[in-house]
């Protein structure tokens, strides 16, 4: 059985969504981010990214990780590419060319989009969105996202999905990266194709199932 290490309120949400899309049986091992704990190495501390038991799984001390049989993997977007290829079906590539495009858009999401969207979500997570410094961080990130979003807007003109004629792992990976910026409504209002596309992605039953589980997790530890 697939084992997913990580909480839903983390990048592990992407892997949980993928598992729901694929209809996989999986075991969830909650691993908290160490930064959320006053003393992550305290004897009674819950399993977290600094716990020796988790470091044995992922020496980089980051979530998520998975164990699938004898295979251990890290990096959420790469995990999803693997799961799509491993289990096949419409979320995976039908051809070598499609496989290449799924990888291209996933790497693009990681390299061109997430460095900015994560600045936005962390500003909110740290309660700094109304501070002068927080407002400046968000403004700079939004400016930096204009070009990638313009590229995606053009790509989605006349298309429902990123690759092919169906929802794939590329849509899931990119939608999750962009979710971090959805607090900035003006960004999406300025890119109606992107706005409609992410709404399609987030209307899927598997996404809603993931979010239902996420909502049950406490924000504060």
N, C-alpha and C. Protein backbone atom coordinates (compact mmCIF):
# COMPACT_ATOMS: atom_id res chain seq x y z
N UNK A 1 0.84 -1.20 0.00
CA UNK A 1 0.00 0.00 0.00
C UNK A 1 0.88 1.25 0.00
N UNK A 2 0.44 2.26 -0.71
CA UNK A 2 1.12 3.55 -0.74
C UNK A 2 1.04 4.20 0.64
N UNK A 3 2.17 4.71 1.12
CA UNK A 3 2.22 5.47 2.35
C UNK A 3 2.61 6.90 2.03
N UNK A 4 1.83 7.85 2.52
CA UNK A 4 2.11 9.27 2.31
C UNK A 4 2.47 9.88 3.66
N UNK A 5 3.65 10.49 3.72
CA UNK A 5 4.12 11.15 4.94
C UNK A 5 3.89 12.65 4.79
N UNK A 6 3.11 13.21 5.69
CA UNK A 6 2.88 14.65 5.67
C UNK A 6 1.45 14.98 6.03
N UNK A 7 1.23 16.21 6.45
CA UNK A 7 -0.11 16.67 6.79
C UNK A 7 -0.74 17.31 5.55
N UNK A 8 -2.06 17.44 5.60
CA UNK A 8 -2.77 18.04 4.47
C UNK A 8 -2.46 19.53 4.34
N UNK A 9 -2.14 20.19 5.46
CA UNK A 9 -1.80 21.61 5.42
C UNK A 9 -0.32 21.78 5.10
N UNK A 10 0.05 21.30 3.94
CA UNK A 10 1.43 21.36 3.47
C UNK A 10 1.42 21.01 1.99
N UNK A 11 2.59 20.93 1.39
CA UNK A 11 2.66 20.50 -0.01
C UNK A 11 2.19 19.06 -0.20
N UNK A 12 2.04 18.33 0.89
CA UNK A 12 1.50 16.97 0.77
C UNK A 12 0.07 16.98 0.23
N UNK A 13 -0.61 18.13 0.31
CA UNK A 13 -1.98 18.21 -0.22
C UNK A 13 -2.01 17.78 -1.69
N UNK A 14 -0.95 18.06 -2.42
CA UNK A 14 -0.90 17.70 -3.84
C UNK A 14 -0.92 16.19 -4.02
N UNK A 15 -0.19 15.52 -3.16
CA UNK A 15 -0.09 14.06 -3.27
C UNK A 15 -1.39 13.42 -2.80
N UNK A 16 -1.99 13.96 -1.75
CA UNK A 16 -3.28 13.43 -1.31
C UNK A 16 -4.34 13.63 -2.41
N UNK A 17 -4.32 14.77 -3.07
CA UNK A 17 -5.27 15.00 -4.17
C UNK A 17 -5.03 13.98 -5.28
N UNK A 18 -3.78 13.76 -5.64
CA UNK A 18 -3.47 12.79 -6.69
C UNK A 18 -3.95 11.39 -6.30
N UNK A 19 -3.72 10.99 -5.06
CA UNK A 19 -4.17 9.67 -4.62
C UNK A 19 -5.68 9.55 -4.71
N UNK A 20 -6.39 10.63 -4.40
CA UNK A 20 -7.85 10.63 -4.53
C UNK A 20 -8.26 10.52 -6.00
N UNK A 21 -7.59 11.24 -6.86
CA UNK A 21 -7.90 11.19 -8.30
C UNK A 21 -7.73 9.77 -8.84
N UNK A 22 -6.69 9.10 -8.39
CA UNK A 22 -6.38 7.76 -8.89
C UNK A 22 -7.15 6.66 -8.16
N UNK A 23 -7.89 7.04 -7.13
CA UNK A 23 -8.65 6.05 -6.38
C UNK A 23 -7.78 5.06 -5.63
N UNK A 24 -6.63 5.52 -5.14
CA UNK A 24 -5.67 4.64 -4.50
C UNK A 24 -6.01 4.43 -3.02
N UNK A 25 -5.81 3.22 -2.56
CA UNK A 25 -5.77 2.98 -1.12
C UNK A 25 -4.41 3.47 -0.62
N UNK A 26 -4.42 4.23 0.45
CA UNK A 26 -3.15 4.72 0.96
C UNK A 26 -3.22 4.87 2.47
N UNK A 27 -2.05 4.81 3.07
CA UNK A 27 -1.90 5.07 4.50
C UNK A 27 -1.32 6.46 4.66
N UNK A 28 -1.95 7.27 5.49
CA UNK A 28 -1.44 8.61 5.76
C UNK A 28 -0.70 8.60 7.09
N UNK A 29 0.54 9.06 7.06
CA UNK A 29 1.33 9.20 8.28
C UNK A 29 1.52 10.70 8.51
N UNK A 30 0.76 11.29 9.43
CA UNK A 30 0.89 12.74 9.65
C UNK A 30 2.27 13.11 10.17
N UNK A 31 2.92 14.01 9.45
CA UNK A 31 4.22 14.53 9.86
C UNK A 31 4.10 16.05 9.84
N UNK A 32 4.19 16.68 11.00
CA UNK A 32 4.07 18.12 11.10
C UNK A 32 5.36 18.82 10.67
N UNK A 33 5.21 20.06 10.20
CA UNK A 33 6.37 20.89 9.97
C UNK A 33 6.97 21.27 11.33
N UNK A 34 8.27 21.08 11.49
CA UNK A 34 8.92 21.37 12.77
C UNK A 34 8.75 22.82 13.18
N UNK A 35 8.67 23.73 12.20
CA UNK A 35 8.54 25.16 12.52
C UNK A 35 7.24 25.47 13.26
N UNK A 36 6.28 24.56 13.22
CA UNK A 36 5.01 24.80 13.89
C UNK A 36 5.05 24.42 15.37
N UNK A 37 6.16 23.85 15.81
CA UNK A 37 6.27 23.36 17.18
C UNK A 37 7.30 24.17 17.96
N UNK A 38 7.00 24.42 19.24
CA UNK A 38 7.95 25.16 20.08
C UNK A 38 9.24 24.38 20.28
N UNK A 39 9.12 23.07 20.47
CA UNK A 39 10.31 22.22 20.66
C UNK A 39 10.08 20.91 19.93
N UNK A 40 10.45 20.86 18.66
CA UNK A 40 10.15 19.67 17.85
C UNK A 40 10.86 18.41 18.33
N UNK A 41 11.92 18.56 19.11
CA UNK A 41 12.67 17.39 19.59
C UNK A 41 12.32 17.01 21.03
N UNK A 42 11.29 17.64 21.59
CA UNK A 42 10.84 17.28 22.93
C UNK A 42 10.35 15.84 22.93
N UNK A 43 10.51 15.12 24.05
CA UNK A 43 10.12 13.70 24.09
C UNK A 43 8.66 13.45 23.70
N UNK A 44 7.77 14.37 24.04
CA UNK A 44 6.35 14.19 23.75
C UNK A 44 5.90 14.89 22.46
N UNK A 45 6.84 15.44 21.72
CA UNK A 45 6.48 16.15 20.48
C UNK A 45 5.89 15.17 19.46
N UNK A 46 4.86 15.60 18.73
CA UNK A 46 4.33 14.73 17.68
C UNK A 46 5.35 14.53 16.57
N UNK A 47 5.15 13.49 15.78
CA UNK A 47 6.05 13.22 14.66
C UNK A 47 6.13 14.46 13.78
N UNK A 48 7.34 14.90 13.52
CA UNK A 48 7.53 16.13 12.74
C UNK A 48 8.78 16.00 11.89
N UNK A 49 9.06 17.02 11.11
CA UNK A 49 10.13 16.93 10.12
C UNK A 49 11.52 16.87 10.74
N UNK A 50 11.63 17.14 12.05
CA UNK A 50 12.92 16.99 12.73
C UNK A 50 13.00 15.71 13.55
N UNK A 51 11.93 14.94 13.59
CA UNK A 51 11.95 13.69 14.35
C UNK A 51 12.91 12.69 13.71
N UNK A 52 13.73 12.02 14.51
CA UNK A 52 14.65 11.03 13.94
C UNK A 52 13.95 9.97 13.09
N UNK A 53 12.76 9.56 13.49
CA UNK A 53 12.04 8.55 12.71
C UNK A 53 11.71 9.05 11.31
N UNK A 54 11.42 10.35 11.18
CA UNK A 54 11.14 10.88 9.84
C UNK A 54 12.42 11.19 9.08
N UNK A 55 13.44 11.68 9.78
CA UNK A 55 14.73 11.92 9.11
C UNK A 55 15.24 10.65 8.46
N UNK A 56 14.91 9.51 9.05
CA UNK A 56 15.33 8.23 8.46
C UNK A 56 14.62 7.99 7.13
N UNK A 57 13.44 8.59 6.96
CA UNK A 57 12.71 8.48 5.69
C UNK A 57 13.22 9.52 4.70
N UNK A 58 13.31 10.76 5.15
CA UNK A 58 13.76 11.85 4.27
C UNK A 58 14.83 12.68 4.98
N UNK A 59 16.10 12.46 4.70
CA UNK A 59 17.18 13.20 5.35
C UNK A 59 17.12 14.70 5.13
N UNK A 60 16.36 15.15 4.11
CA UNK A 60 16.21 16.59 3.88
C UNK A 60 15.22 17.23 4.84
N UNK A 61 14.51 16.41 5.62
CA UNK A 61 13.60 16.92 6.67
C UNK A 61 12.48 17.79 6.09
N UNK A 62 11.91 17.32 4.98
CA UNK A 62 10.83 18.05 4.34
C UNK A 62 9.70 17.09 4.00
N UNK A 63 8.48 17.62 4.00
CA UNK A 63 7.33 16.83 3.58
C UNK A 63 6.79 17.41 2.28
N UNK A 64 6.16 16.53 1.46
CA UNK A 64 5.86 15.13 1.72
C UNK A 64 6.96 14.19 1.25
N UNK A 65 6.81 12.95 1.70
CA UNK A 65 7.56 11.81 1.14
C UNK A 65 6.54 10.70 0.95
N UNK A 66 6.90 9.73 0.14
CA UNK A 66 6.06 8.54 0.00
C UNK A 66 6.93 7.30 0.09
N UNK A 67 6.27 6.21 0.44
CA UNK A 67 6.86 4.88 0.32
C UNK A 67 5.87 4.05 -0.48
N UNK A 68 6.33 3.49 -1.59
CA UNK A 68 5.49 2.67 -2.46
C UNK A 68 6.24 1.37 -2.71
N UNK A 69 5.91 0.35 -1.92
CA UNK A 69 6.72 -0.86 -1.98
C UNK A 69 8.10 -0.57 -1.45
N UNK A 70 9.11 -0.87 -2.26
CA UNK A 70 10.50 -0.61 -1.86
C UNK A 70 10.97 0.80 -2.24
N UNK A 71 10.13 1.53 -2.95
CA UNK A 71 10.53 2.85 -3.44
C UNK A 71 10.17 3.92 -2.42
N UNK A 72 11.15 4.76 -2.09
CA UNK A 72 10.91 5.95 -1.28
C UNK A 72 11.20 7.17 -2.16
N UNK A 73 10.26 8.11 -2.17
CA UNK A 73 10.42 9.31 -2.99
C UNK A 73 10.08 10.55 -2.18
N UNK A 74 10.70 11.67 -2.60
CA UNK A 74 10.45 12.98 -2.02
C UNK A 74 10.10 13.94 -3.18
N UNK A 75 9.79 15.16 -2.85
CA UNK A 75 9.45 16.22 -3.80
C UNK A 75 8.05 15.97 -4.38
N UNK A 76 7.11 16.79 -3.93
CA UNK A 76 5.70 16.56 -4.21
C UNK A 76 5.36 16.49 -5.70
N UNK A 77 5.91 17.39 -6.50
CA UNK A 77 5.56 17.41 -7.92
C UNK A 77 6.12 16.18 -8.64
N UNK A 78 7.33 15.78 -8.27
CA UNK A 78 7.92 14.57 -8.85
C UNK A 78 7.14 13.32 -8.42
N UNK A 79 6.71 13.31 -7.17
CA UNK A 79 5.89 12.18 -6.70
C UNK A 79 4.64 12.04 -7.55
N UNK A 80 3.99 13.15 -7.85
CA UNK A 80 2.77 13.08 -8.64
C UNK A 80 3.03 12.60 -10.07
N UNK A 81 4.13 13.04 -10.66
CA UNK A 81 4.48 12.53 -11.99
C UNK A 81 4.69 11.02 -11.94
N UNK A 82 5.35 10.56 -10.89
CA UNK A 82 5.56 9.12 -10.74
C UNK A 82 4.24 8.38 -10.59
N UNK A 83 3.37 8.87 -9.73
CA UNK A 83 2.10 8.17 -9.49
C UNK A 83 1.25 8.12 -10.76
N UNK A 84 1.27 9.20 -11.54
CA UNK A 84 0.53 9.20 -12.80
C UNK A 84 1.07 8.13 -13.74
N UNK A 85 2.39 8.08 -13.86
CA UNK A 85 3.02 7.09 -14.75
C UNK A 85 2.81 5.67 -14.21
N UNK A 86 2.90 5.52 -12.91
CA UNK A 86 2.79 4.20 -12.27
C UNK A 86 1.42 3.59 -12.47
N UNK A 87 0.39 4.41 -12.38
CA UNK A 87 -0.98 3.88 -12.39
C UNK A 87 -1.71 4.13 -13.71
N UNK A 88 -1.14 4.92 -14.59
CA UNK A 88 -1.73 5.10 -15.90
C UNK A 88 -3.06 5.82 -15.85
N UNK A 89 -3.86 5.63 -16.90
CA UNK A 89 -5.15 6.29 -16.96
C UNK A 89 -5.04 7.69 -17.54
N UNK A 90 -6.12 8.45 -17.51
CA UNK A 90 -6.15 9.74 -18.20
C UNK A 90 -5.24 10.80 -17.60
N UNK A 91 -4.83 10.65 -16.35
CA UNK A 91 -3.95 11.66 -15.76
C UNK A 91 -2.52 11.55 -16.26
N UNK A 92 -2.17 10.43 -16.86
CA UNK A 92 -0.81 10.22 -17.36
C UNK A 92 -0.75 10.56 -18.85
N UNK A 93 0.47 10.55 -19.39
CA UNK A 93 0.65 10.81 -20.81
C UNK A 93 0.25 9.62 -21.66
N UNK A 94 -0.41 9.89 -22.78
CA UNK A 94 -0.77 8.83 -23.72
C UNK A 94 0.38 8.50 -24.66
N UNK A 95 1.29 9.44 -24.82
CA UNK A 95 2.42 9.29 -25.74
C UNK A 95 3.68 9.81 -25.08
N UNK A 96 4.81 9.53 -25.69
CA UNK A 96 6.08 10.08 -25.20
C UNK A 96 6.04 11.60 -25.24
N UNK A 97 5.43 12.14 -26.29
CA UNK A 97 5.33 13.59 -26.42
C UNK A 97 4.51 14.19 -25.27
N UNK A 98 3.39 13.55 -24.95
CA UNK A 98 2.59 14.04 -23.83
C UNK A 98 3.35 13.93 -22.52
N UNK A 99 4.07 12.83 -22.33
CA UNK A 99 4.89 12.69 -21.13
C UNK A 99 5.87 13.86 -21.00
N UNK A 100 6.47 14.23 -22.12
CA UNK A 100 7.40 15.35 -22.11
C UNK A 100 6.73 16.65 -21.71
N UNK A 101 5.52 16.87 -22.23
CA UNK A 101 4.80 18.10 -21.90
C UNK A 101 4.34 18.12 -20.45
N UNK A 102 3.94 16.97 -19.93
CA UNK A 102 3.56 16.92 -18.51
C UNK A 102 4.74 17.30 -17.63
N UNK A 103 5.92 16.79 -17.99
CA UNK A 103 7.12 17.13 -17.23
C UNK A 103 7.48 18.60 -17.41
N UNK A 104 7.39 19.09 -18.63
CA UNK A 104 7.73 20.49 -18.90
C UNK A 104 6.88 21.44 -18.07
N UNK A 105 5.57 21.24 -18.08
CA UNK A 105 4.69 22.16 -17.35
C UNK A 105 4.88 22.03 -15.85
N UNK A 106 5.20 20.84 -15.38
CA UNK A 106 5.45 20.66 -13.95
C UNK A 106 6.73 21.38 -13.53
N UNK A 107 7.79 21.24 -14.32
CA UNK A 107 9.04 21.94 -14.02
C UNK A 107 8.83 23.46 -14.12
N UNK A 108 8.05 23.87 -15.10
CA UNK A 108 7.73 25.30 -15.26
C UNK A 108 7.01 25.82 -14.02
N UNK A 109 6.07 25.04 -13.51
CA UNK A 109 5.35 25.45 -12.29
C UNK A 109 6.32 25.63 -11.13
N UNK A 110 7.26 24.69 -10.99
CA UNK A 110 8.21 24.75 -9.88
C UNK A 110 9.20 25.90 -10.05
N UNK A 111 9.65 26.15 -11.28
CA UNK A 111 10.72 27.12 -11.51
C UNK A 111 10.21 28.55 -11.69
N UNK A 112 9.10 28.70 -12.38
CA UNK A 112 8.64 30.03 -12.77
C UNK A 112 7.49 30.57 -11.93
N UNK A 113 6.76 29.70 -11.27
CA UNK A 113 5.54 30.14 -10.57
C UNK A 113 5.68 30.01 -9.06
N UNK A 114 6.05 28.83 -8.58
CA UNK A 114 6.03 28.60 -7.14
C UNK A 114 6.96 29.51 -6.34
N UNK A 115 8.14 29.91 -6.84
CA UNK A 115 8.96 30.81 -6.03
C UNK A 115 8.22 32.09 -5.64
N UNK A 116 7.28 32.53 -6.46
CA UNK A 116 6.51 33.74 -6.16
C UNK A 116 5.26 33.42 -5.34
N UNK A 117 4.54 32.37 -5.71
CA UNK A 117 3.29 32.07 -4.99
C UNK A 117 3.57 31.68 -3.54
N UNK A 118 4.69 31.03 -3.29
CA UNK A 118 4.99 30.63 -1.91
C UNK A 118 5.30 31.86 -1.05
N UNK A 119 5.85 32.91 -1.63
CA UNK A 119 6.07 34.14 -0.87
C UNK A 119 4.74 34.73 -0.41
N UNK A 120 3.73 34.62 -1.27
CA UNK A 120 2.41 35.15 -0.92
C UNK A 120 1.79 34.36 0.21
N UNK A 121 1.79 33.04 0.09
CA UNK A 121 1.11 32.23 1.10
C UNK A 121 1.84 32.30 2.44
N UNK A 122 3.15 32.37 2.43
CA UNK A 122 3.89 32.46 3.69
C UNK A 122 3.66 33.81 4.37
N UNK A 123 3.46 34.85 3.59
CA UNK A 123 3.15 36.14 4.18
C UNK A 123 1.84 36.07 4.96
N UNK A 124 0.86 35.40 4.37
CA UNK A 124 -0.41 35.22 5.08
C UNK A 124 -0.26 34.26 6.26
N UNK A 125 0.47 33.18 6.07
CA UNK A 125 0.66 32.21 7.16
C UNK A 125 1.30 32.85 8.38
N UNK A 126 2.17 33.82 8.13
CA UNK A 126 2.86 34.49 9.24
C UNK A 126 2.12 35.73 9.75
N UNK A 127 0.91 35.96 9.21
CA UNK A 127 0.10 37.07 9.67
C UNK A 127 0.66 38.44 9.34
N UNK A 128 1.41 38.53 8.24
CA UNK A 128 2.07 39.78 7.89
C UNK A 128 1.43 40.49 6.70
N UNK A 129 0.30 39.99 6.23
CA UNK A 129 -0.27 40.53 4.99
C UNK A 129 -0.69 42.00 5.09
N UNK A 130 -0.95 42.49 6.30
CA UNK A 130 -1.36 43.89 6.46
C UNK A 130 -0.22 44.81 6.91
N UNK A 131 0.96 44.23 7.09
CA UNK A 131 2.12 45.05 7.44
C UNK A 131 2.71 45.67 6.19
N UNK A 132 3.47 46.72 6.36
CA UNK A 132 4.10 47.37 5.20
C UNK A 132 5.01 46.38 4.46
N UNK A 133 5.80 45.64 5.23
CA UNK A 133 6.72 44.69 4.60
C UNK A 133 5.95 43.58 3.90
N UNK A 134 4.87 43.11 4.52
CA UNK A 134 4.07 42.06 3.91
C UNK A 134 3.40 42.52 2.63
N UNK A 135 2.86 43.72 2.65
CA UNK A 135 2.22 44.26 1.45
C UNK A 135 3.22 44.40 0.31
N UNK A 136 4.43 44.81 0.64
CA UNK A 136 5.47 44.95 -0.39
C UNK A 136 5.87 43.59 -0.94
N UNK A 137 6.01 42.60 -0.07
CA UNK A 137 6.35 41.25 -0.53
C UNK A 137 5.29 40.72 -1.49
N UNK A 138 4.03 40.90 -1.13
CA UNK A 138 2.94 40.42 -1.99
C UNK A 138 2.92 41.18 -3.31
N UNK A 139 3.13 42.49 -3.25
CA UNK A 139 3.11 43.29 -4.48
C UNK A 139 4.22 42.87 -5.44
N UNK A 140 5.41 42.65 -4.90
CA UNK A 140 6.54 42.24 -5.75
C UNK A 140 6.27 40.86 -6.35
N UNK A 141 5.74 39.94 -5.54
CA UNK A 141 5.44 38.60 -6.04
C UNK A 141 4.39 38.66 -7.14
N UNK A 142 3.38 39.50 -6.96
CA UNK A 142 2.33 39.61 -7.98
C UNK A 142 2.89 40.18 -9.29
N UNK A 143 3.78 41.15 -9.17
CA UNK A 143 4.40 41.69 -10.39
C UNK A 143 5.22 40.62 -11.09
N UNK A 144 5.92 39.81 -10.32
CA UNK A 144 6.75 38.76 -10.90
C UNK A 144 5.92 37.66 -11.54
N UNK A 145 4.67 37.54 -11.13
CA UNK A 145 3.79 36.51 -11.70
C UNK A 145 3.09 36.95 -12.98
N UNK A 146 3.18 38.21 -13.31
CA UNK A 146 2.45 38.69 -14.49
C UNK A 146 2.87 37.98 -15.76
N UNK A 147 4.16 37.83 -15.97
CA UNK A 147 4.62 37.19 -17.20
C UNK A 147 4.22 35.71 -17.25
N UNK A 148 4.49 34.89 -16.21
CA UNK A 148 4.05 33.51 -16.27
C UNK A 148 2.54 33.37 -16.45
N UNK A 149 1.76 34.20 -15.77
CA UNK A 149 0.31 34.10 -15.92
C UNK A 149 -0.13 34.53 -17.32
N UNK A 150 0.56 35.49 -17.91
CA UNK A 150 0.23 35.88 -19.28
C UNK A 150 0.52 34.72 -20.25
N UNK A 151 1.61 34.01 -20.01
CA UNK A 151 1.94 32.84 -20.84
C UNK A 151 0.87 31.77 -20.68
N UNK A 152 0.48 31.49 -19.44
CA UNK A 152 -0.54 30.48 -19.20
C UNK A 152 -1.89 30.91 -19.76
N UNK A 153 -2.20 32.18 -19.64
CA UNK A 153 -3.46 32.70 -20.21
C UNK A 153 -3.51 32.46 -21.70
N UNK A 154 -2.42 32.73 -22.40
CA UNK A 154 -2.39 32.50 -23.83
C UNK A 154 -2.47 31.02 -24.17
N UNK A 155 -1.79 30.20 -23.40
CA UNK A 155 -1.82 28.76 -23.66
C UNK A 155 -3.22 28.19 -23.51
N UNK A 156 -3.99 28.73 -22.57
CA UNK A 156 -5.33 28.20 -22.30
C UNK A 156 -6.40 28.79 -23.22
N UNK A 157 -6.03 29.71 -24.08
CA UNK A 157 -7.01 30.26 -25.03
C UNK A 157 -7.50 29.13 -25.94
N UNK A 158 -8.78 28.83 -25.89
CA UNK A 158 -9.32 27.76 -26.72
C UNK A 158 -9.08 26.38 -26.17
N UNK A 159 -8.52 26.28 -24.96
CA UNK A 159 -8.26 24.97 -24.35
C UNK A 159 -8.96 24.89 -22.99
N UNK A 160 -9.34 23.69 -22.62
CA UNK A 160 -9.89 23.46 -21.29
C UNK A 160 -8.79 23.05 -20.30
N UNK A 161 -7.76 22.36 -20.82
CA UNK A 161 -6.75 21.76 -19.95
C UNK A 161 -5.35 22.04 -20.48
N UNK A 162 -4.34 21.79 -19.65
CA UNK A 162 -2.96 22.16 -19.99
C UNK A 162 -2.39 21.30 -21.12
N UNK A 163 -2.59 19.98 -21.03
CA UNK A 163 -2.05 19.05 -22.03
C UNK A 163 -3.18 18.16 -22.51
N UNK A 164 -3.31 18.04 -23.83
CA UNK A 164 -4.33 17.17 -24.37
C UNK A 164 -5.73 17.72 -24.14
N UNK A 165 -6.69 16.85 -24.17
CA UNK A 165 -8.09 17.26 -24.08
C UNK A 165 -8.72 16.80 -22.78
N UNK A 166 -7.89 16.66 -21.72
CA UNK A 166 -8.39 16.10 -20.46
C UNK A 166 -7.56 16.62 -19.29
N UNK A 167 -8.11 16.48 -18.10
CA UNK A 167 -7.40 16.80 -16.87
C UNK A 167 -6.26 15.81 -16.68
N UNK A 168 -5.05 16.33 -16.44
CA UNK A 168 -3.87 15.48 -16.25
C UNK A 168 -3.10 15.93 -15.01
N UNK A 169 -2.04 15.20 -14.74
CA UNK A 169 -1.17 15.56 -13.63
C UNK A 169 -0.59 16.96 -13.79
N UNK A 170 -0.44 17.43 -15.01
CA UNK A 170 0.07 18.79 -15.21
C UNK A 170 -0.92 19.82 -14.65
N UNK A 171 -2.21 19.60 -14.89
CA UNK A 171 -3.22 20.50 -14.34
C UNK A 171 -3.19 20.48 -12.81
N UNK A 172 -3.13 19.29 -12.25
CA UNK A 172 -3.14 19.15 -10.79
C UNK A 172 -1.93 19.84 -10.18
N UNK A 173 -0.75 19.56 -10.72
CA UNK A 173 0.47 20.15 -10.16
C UNK A 173 0.46 21.67 -10.26
N UNK A 174 0.09 22.18 -11.41
CA UNK A 174 0.11 23.63 -11.60
C UNK A 174 -1.00 24.31 -10.79
N UNK A 175 -2.16 23.69 -10.71
CA UNK A 175 -3.25 24.27 -9.93
C UNK A 175 -2.87 24.38 -8.46
N UNK A 176 -2.17 23.37 -7.95
CA UNK A 176 -1.77 23.42 -6.55
C UNK A 176 -0.69 24.47 -6.30
N UNK A 177 0.19 24.67 -7.24
CA UNK A 177 1.19 25.72 -7.11
C UNK A 177 0.52 27.10 -7.13
N UNK A 178 -0.46 27.28 -8.01
CA UNK A 178 -1.14 28.56 -8.12
C UNK A 178 -2.12 28.81 -6.98
N UNK A 179 -2.56 27.76 -6.32
CA UNK A 179 -3.51 27.94 -5.20
C UNK A 179 -2.93 28.87 -4.14
N UNK A 180 -1.62 28.87 -3.99
CA UNK A 180 -0.97 29.72 -3.00
C UNK A 180 -1.19 31.21 -3.27
N UNK A 181 -1.56 31.55 -4.49
CA UNK A 181 -1.74 32.96 -4.84
C UNK A 181 -3.21 33.35 -4.97
N UNK A 182 -4.12 32.45 -4.69
CA UNK A 182 -5.54 32.75 -4.92
C UNK A 182 -6.11 33.80 -3.98
N UNK A 183 -5.37 34.16 -2.96
CA UNK A 183 -5.79 35.27 -2.11
C UNK A 183 -5.78 36.59 -2.88
N UNK A 184 -4.97 36.64 -3.94
CA UNK A 184 -4.82 37.87 -4.74
C UNK A 184 -5.79 37.80 -5.92
N UNK A 185 -7.03 38.15 -5.66
CA UNK A 185 -8.09 37.97 -6.66
C UNK A 185 -7.84 38.76 -7.93
N UNK A 186 -7.22 39.91 -7.82
CA UNK A 186 -6.98 40.74 -9.01
C UNK A 186 -6.11 40.02 -10.03
N UNK A 187 -5.18 39.19 -9.57
CA UNK A 187 -4.32 38.43 -10.49
C UNK A 187 -5.17 37.54 -11.39
N UNK A 188 -6.16 36.90 -10.81
CA UNK A 188 -6.96 35.95 -11.58
C UNK A 188 -8.05 36.66 -12.38
N UNK A 189 -8.56 37.77 -11.86
CA UNK A 189 -9.52 38.55 -12.64
C UNK A 189 -8.87 39.07 -13.92
N UNK A 190 -7.58 39.37 -13.85
CA UNK A 190 -6.87 39.87 -15.02
C UNK A 190 -6.53 38.78 -16.02
N UNK A 191 -6.73 37.52 -15.64
CA UNK A 191 -6.41 36.38 -16.50
C UNK A 191 -7.60 35.41 -16.49
N UNK A 192 -8.66 35.74 -17.22
CA UNK A 192 -9.91 34.97 -17.14
C UNK A 192 -9.78 33.52 -17.56
N UNK A 193 -8.91 33.22 -18.52
CA UNK A 193 -8.73 31.81 -18.90
C UNK A 193 -8.13 31.01 -17.76
N UNK A 194 -7.16 31.61 -17.06
CA UNK A 194 -6.54 30.95 -15.91
C UNK A 194 -7.56 30.79 -14.79
N UNK A 195 -8.34 31.82 -14.56
CA UNK A 195 -9.35 31.78 -13.50
C UNK A 195 -10.37 30.67 -13.76
N UNK A 196 -10.86 30.57 -15.00
CA UNK A 196 -11.85 29.53 -15.33
C UNK A 196 -11.23 28.14 -15.23
N UNK A 197 -9.97 28.03 -15.66
CA UNK A 197 -9.29 26.73 -15.61
C UNK A 197 -9.09 26.25 -14.18
N UNK A 198 -8.62 27.12 -13.28
CA UNK A 198 -8.38 26.67 -11.91
C UNK A 198 -9.69 26.35 -11.21
N UNK A 199 -10.76 27.04 -11.58
CA UNK A 199 -12.08 26.71 -11.03
C UNK A 199 -12.53 25.33 -11.50
N UNK A 200 -12.22 24.98 -12.76
CA UNK A 200 -12.53 23.63 -13.24
C UNK A 200 -11.76 22.59 -12.44
N UNK A 201 -10.47 22.86 -12.23
CA UNK A 201 -9.64 21.91 -11.48
C UNK A 201 -10.20 21.71 -10.07
N UNK A 202 -10.57 22.80 -9.43
CA UNK A 202 -10.98 22.74 -8.03
C UNK A 202 -12.44 22.33 -7.86
N UNK A 203 -13.13 22.13 -8.95
CA UNK A 203 -14.50 21.61 -8.87
C UNK A 203 -14.53 20.09 -8.89
N UNK A 204 -13.39 19.46 -9.07
CA UNK A 204 -13.33 18.01 -9.16
C UNK A 204 -13.58 17.37 -7.79
N UNK A 205 -14.22 16.21 -7.82
CA UNK A 205 -14.58 15.53 -6.58
C UNK A 205 -13.35 15.19 -5.75
N UNK A 206 -12.26 14.80 -6.40
CA UNK A 206 -11.05 14.42 -5.67
C UNK A 206 -10.43 15.63 -4.96
N UNK A 207 -10.48 16.78 -5.60
CA UNK A 207 -9.98 17.99 -4.94
C UNK A 207 -10.82 18.32 -3.72
N UNK A 208 -12.14 18.21 -3.87
CA UNK A 208 -13.02 18.51 -2.75
C UNK A 208 -12.81 17.53 -1.60
N UNK A 209 -12.53 16.28 -1.93
CA UNK A 209 -12.25 15.28 -0.88
C UNK A 209 -10.97 15.64 -0.14
N UNK A 210 -9.95 16.04 -0.88
CA UNK A 210 -8.70 16.45 -0.25
C UNK A 210 -8.93 17.66 0.67
N UNK A 211 -9.67 18.63 0.18
CA UNK A 211 -9.92 19.83 0.99
C UNK A 211 -10.76 19.52 2.22
N UNK A 212 -11.67 18.56 2.11
CA UNK A 212 -12.48 18.18 3.27
C UNK A 212 -11.58 17.61 4.36
N UNK A 213 -10.62 16.78 3.96
CA UNK A 213 -9.67 16.24 4.95
C UNK A 213 -8.78 17.35 5.50
N UNK A 214 -8.37 18.26 4.64
CA UNK A 214 -7.51 19.37 5.07
C UNK A 214 -8.22 20.24 6.09
N UNK A 215 -9.52 20.48 5.90
CA UNK A 215 -10.25 21.36 6.79
C UNK A 215 -10.38 20.78 8.20
N UNK A 216 -10.22 19.47 8.33
CA UNK A 216 -10.32 18.81 9.65
C UNK A 216 -9.03 18.95 10.45
N UNK A 217 -7.95 19.31 9.78
CA UNK A 217 -6.68 19.48 10.49
C UNK A 217 -6.65 20.82 11.21
N UNK A 218 -6.18 20.86 12.44
CA UNK A 218 -6.10 22.15 13.15
C UNK A 218 -5.04 23.05 12.52
N UNK A 219 -5.34 24.34 12.51
CA UNK A 219 -4.37 25.30 12.01
C UNK A 219 -3.26 25.50 13.03
N UNK A 220 -3.64 25.58 14.28
CA UNK A 220 -2.67 25.72 15.37
C UNK A 220 -2.41 24.34 15.98
N UNK A 221 -1.17 24.11 16.40
CA UNK A 221 -0.79 22.84 17.03
C UNK A 221 -0.85 23.01 18.54
